[in-house]
């Protein structure tokens, strides 16, 4: 049981020292708008016409 606590404390120290805890706590979504748009088209959520309109809007910004 003591070994388990040593492992847990070691992992916590590792993440705190490396600054990786921010990604674990926030779980930020790094997906771009175009990647999300491509996924929506692939899933069939939007039509090709809608895809082209949204893509044109995104590229104009």
N, C-alpha and C. Protein backbone atom coordinates (compact mmCIF):
# COMPACT_ATOMS: atom_id res chain seq x y z
N UNK A 1 0.83 -1.20 0.00
CA UNK A 1 0.00 0.00 0.00
C UNK A 1 0.86 1.25 0.00
N UNK A 2 1.94 1.20 0.76
CA UNK A 2 2.83 2.35 0.81
C UNK A 2 3.49 2.58 -0.55
N UNK A 3 3.75 1.49 -1.28
CA UNK A 3 4.35 1.60 -2.61
C UNK A 3 3.43 2.36 -3.56
N UNK A 4 2.13 2.11 -3.45
CA UNK A 4 1.15 2.81 -4.28
C UNK A 4 1.18 4.31 -4.02
N UNK A 5 1.26 4.72 -2.78
CA UNK A 5 1.31 6.15 -2.45
C UNK A 5 2.60 6.79 -2.97
N UNK A 6 3.70 6.06 -2.92
CA UNK A 6 4.96 6.58 -3.45
C UNK A 6 4.84 6.82 -4.95
N UNK A 7 4.22 5.89 -5.66
CA UNK A 7 4.00 6.04 -7.10
C UNK A 7 3.11 7.24 -7.39
N UNK A 8 2.01 7.39 -6.66
CA UNK A 8 1.08 8.50 -6.88
C UNK A 8 1.78 9.83 -6.62
N UNK A 9 2.50 9.93 -5.54
CA UNK A 9 3.21 11.18 -5.22
C UNK A 9 4.29 11.46 -6.26
N UNK A 10 4.97 10.42 -6.72
CA UNK A 10 5.99 10.59 -7.75
C UNK A 10 5.41 11.12 -9.05
N UNK A 11 4.28 10.59 -9.44
CA UNK A 11 3.62 11.05 -10.68
C UNK A 11 3.18 12.50 -10.53
N UNK A 12 2.61 12.85 -9.41
CA UNK A 12 2.19 14.24 -9.17
C UNK A 12 3.38 15.19 -9.23
N UNK A 13 4.47 14.82 -8.60
CA UNK A 13 5.68 15.66 -8.63
C UNK A 13 6.19 15.80 -10.05
N UNK A 14 6.18 14.70 -10.79
CA UNK A 14 6.64 14.75 -12.19
C UNK A 14 5.83 15.76 -13.00
N UNK A 15 4.50 15.68 -12.91
CA UNK A 15 3.66 16.59 -13.69
C UNK A 15 3.80 18.03 -13.22
N UNK A 16 3.95 18.24 -11.95
CA UNK A 16 4.12 19.60 -11.44
C UNK A 16 5.46 20.19 -11.89
N UNK A 17 6.50 19.40 -11.91
CA UNK A 17 7.82 19.88 -12.31
C UNK A 17 7.90 20.16 -13.81
N UNK A 18 7.17 19.41 -14.61
CA UNK A 18 7.23 19.56 -16.06
C UNK A 18 6.17 20.50 -16.62
N UNK A 19 5.25 20.93 -15.81
CA UNK A 19 4.21 21.85 -16.27
C UNK A 19 3.15 21.17 -17.11
N UNK A 20 3.14 19.86 -17.20
CA UNK A 20 2.15 19.15 -18.01
C UNK A 20 0.78 19.07 -17.34
N UNK A 21 0.70 19.45 -16.08
CA UNK A 21 -0.56 19.36 -15.36
C UNK A 21 -1.61 20.27 -15.97
N UNK A 22 -1.19 21.33 -16.65
CA UNK A 22 -2.15 22.26 -17.26
C UNK A 22 -2.98 21.54 -18.32
N UNK A 23 -2.34 20.74 -19.15
CA UNK A 23 -3.06 20.01 -20.18
C UNK A 23 -3.97 18.94 -19.59
N UNK A 24 -3.57 18.35 -18.51
CA UNK A 24 -4.38 17.31 -17.89
C UNK A 24 -5.63 17.91 -17.27
N UNK A 25 -5.49 19.03 -16.59
CA UNK A 25 -6.62 19.62 -15.91
C UNK A 25 -7.61 20.27 -16.87
N UNK A 26 -7.11 20.94 -17.89
CA UNK A 26 -7.97 21.69 -18.79
C UNK A 26 -8.46 20.87 -19.98
N UNK A 27 -7.69 19.89 -20.39
CA UNK A 27 -8.01 19.07 -21.57
C UNK A 27 -8.44 19.96 -22.73
N UNK A 28 -7.58 20.86 -23.10
CA UNK A 28 -7.88 21.81 -24.16
C UNK A 28 -8.07 21.11 -25.49
N UNK A 29 -8.97 21.63 -26.27
CA UNK A 29 -9.24 21.10 -27.60
C UNK A 29 -8.41 21.89 -28.58
N UNK A 30 -7.39 21.27 -29.16
CA UNK A 30 -6.50 21.95 -30.08
C UNK A 30 -6.92 21.76 -31.54
N UNK A 31 -8.12 21.28 -31.76
CA UNK A 31 -8.61 21.05 -33.11
C UNK A 31 -8.97 22.38 -33.75
N UNK A 32 -8.49 22.58 -34.98
CA UNK A 32 -8.79 23.82 -35.69
C UNK A 32 -10.21 23.77 -36.24
N UNK A 33 -10.71 24.93 -36.61
CA UNK A 33 -12.06 25.02 -37.16
C UNK A 33 -12.17 24.22 -38.45
N UNK A 34 -11.13 24.25 -39.28
CA UNK A 34 -11.17 23.52 -40.54
C UNK A 34 -11.18 22.00 -40.30
N UNK A 35 -10.43 21.54 -39.30
CA UNK A 35 -10.44 20.11 -38.97
C UNK A 35 -11.82 19.68 -38.49
N UNK A 36 -12.46 20.53 -37.68
CA UNK A 36 -13.81 20.22 -37.22
C UNK A 36 -14.79 20.20 -38.38
N UNK A 37 -14.62 21.13 -39.30
CA UNK A 37 -15.48 21.20 -40.48
C UNK A 37 -15.32 19.94 -41.33
N UNK A 38 -14.07 19.52 -41.54
CA UNK A 38 -13.82 18.31 -42.32
C UNK A 38 -14.45 17.09 -41.66
N UNK A 39 -14.39 17.03 -40.35
CA UNK A 39 -14.97 15.90 -39.62
C UNK A 39 -16.49 15.90 -39.76
N UNK A 40 -17.10 17.08 -39.69
CA UNK A 40 -18.55 17.18 -39.85
C UNK A 40 -18.98 16.69 -41.22
N UNK A 41 -18.21 17.04 -42.25
CA UNK A 41 -18.52 16.58 -43.60
C UNK A 41 -18.36 15.07 -43.69
N UNK A 42 -17.28 14.56 -43.13
CA UNK A 42 -17.03 13.11 -43.17
C UNK A 42 -18.11 12.33 -42.43
N UNK A 43 -18.64 12.89 -41.36
CA UNK A 43 -19.69 12.22 -40.60
C UNK A 43 -21.05 12.34 -41.25
N UNK A 44 -21.17 13.20 -42.25
CA UNK A 44 -22.45 13.40 -42.91
C UNK A 44 -23.34 14.39 -42.20
N UNK A 45 -22.77 15.17 -41.29
CA UNK A 45 -23.56 16.15 -40.54
C UNK A 45 -23.97 17.34 -41.41
N UNK A 46 -23.16 17.64 -42.42
CA UNK A 46 -23.45 18.77 -43.31
C UNK A 46 -23.29 18.31 -44.76
N UNK A 47 -23.93 19.04 -45.67
CA UNK A 47 -23.82 18.72 -47.09
C UNK A 47 -22.56 19.36 -47.67
N UNK A 48 -22.23 18.97 -48.89
CA UNK A 48 -21.06 19.52 -49.56
C UNK A 48 -21.24 21.02 -49.80
N UNK A 49 -22.46 21.44 -50.09
CA UNK A 49 -22.72 22.86 -50.30
C UNK A 49 -22.49 23.65 -49.01
N UNK A 50 -23.00 23.13 -47.91
CA UNK A 50 -22.78 23.79 -46.63
C UNK A 50 -21.29 23.82 -46.29
N UNK A 51 -20.62 22.72 -46.57
CA UNK A 51 -19.17 22.64 -46.33
C UNK A 51 -18.43 23.74 -47.08
N UNK A 52 -18.75 23.88 -48.37
CA UNK A 52 -18.06 24.90 -49.18
C UNK A 52 -18.34 26.31 -48.70
N UNK A 53 -19.59 26.58 -48.29
CA UNK A 53 -19.93 27.91 -47.78
C UNK A 53 -19.16 28.23 -46.50
N UNK A 54 -19.16 27.27 -45.59
CA UNK A 54 -18.46 27.49 -44.31
C UNK A 54 -16.96 27.61 -44.53
N UNK A 55 -16.43 26.77 -45.41
CA UNK A 55 -14.99 26.82 -45.69
C UNK A 55 -14.60 28.16 -46.29
N UNK A 56 -15.42 28.68 -47.19
CA UNK A 56 -15.15 29.99 -47.79
C UNK A 56 -15.19 31.08 -46.72
N UNK A 57 -16.15 30.99 -45.81
CA UNK A 57 -16.25 31.97 -44.72
C UNK A 57 -15.00 31.90 -43.82
N UNK A 58 -14.56 30.70 -43.51
CA UNK A 58 -13.39 30.55 -42.67
C UNK A 58 -12.12 31.08 -43.34
N UNK A 59 -12.00 30.85 -44.63
CA UNK A 59 -10.79 31.29 -45.34
C UNK A 59 -10.77 32.80 -45.55
N UNK A 60 -11.93 33.45 -45.50
CA UNK A 60 -11.97 34.89 -45.69
C UNK A 60 -11.56 35.65 -44.42
N UNK A 61 -11.57 34.98 -43.30
CA UNK A 61 -11.20 35.63 -42.03
C UNK A 61 -9.77 35.52 -41.80
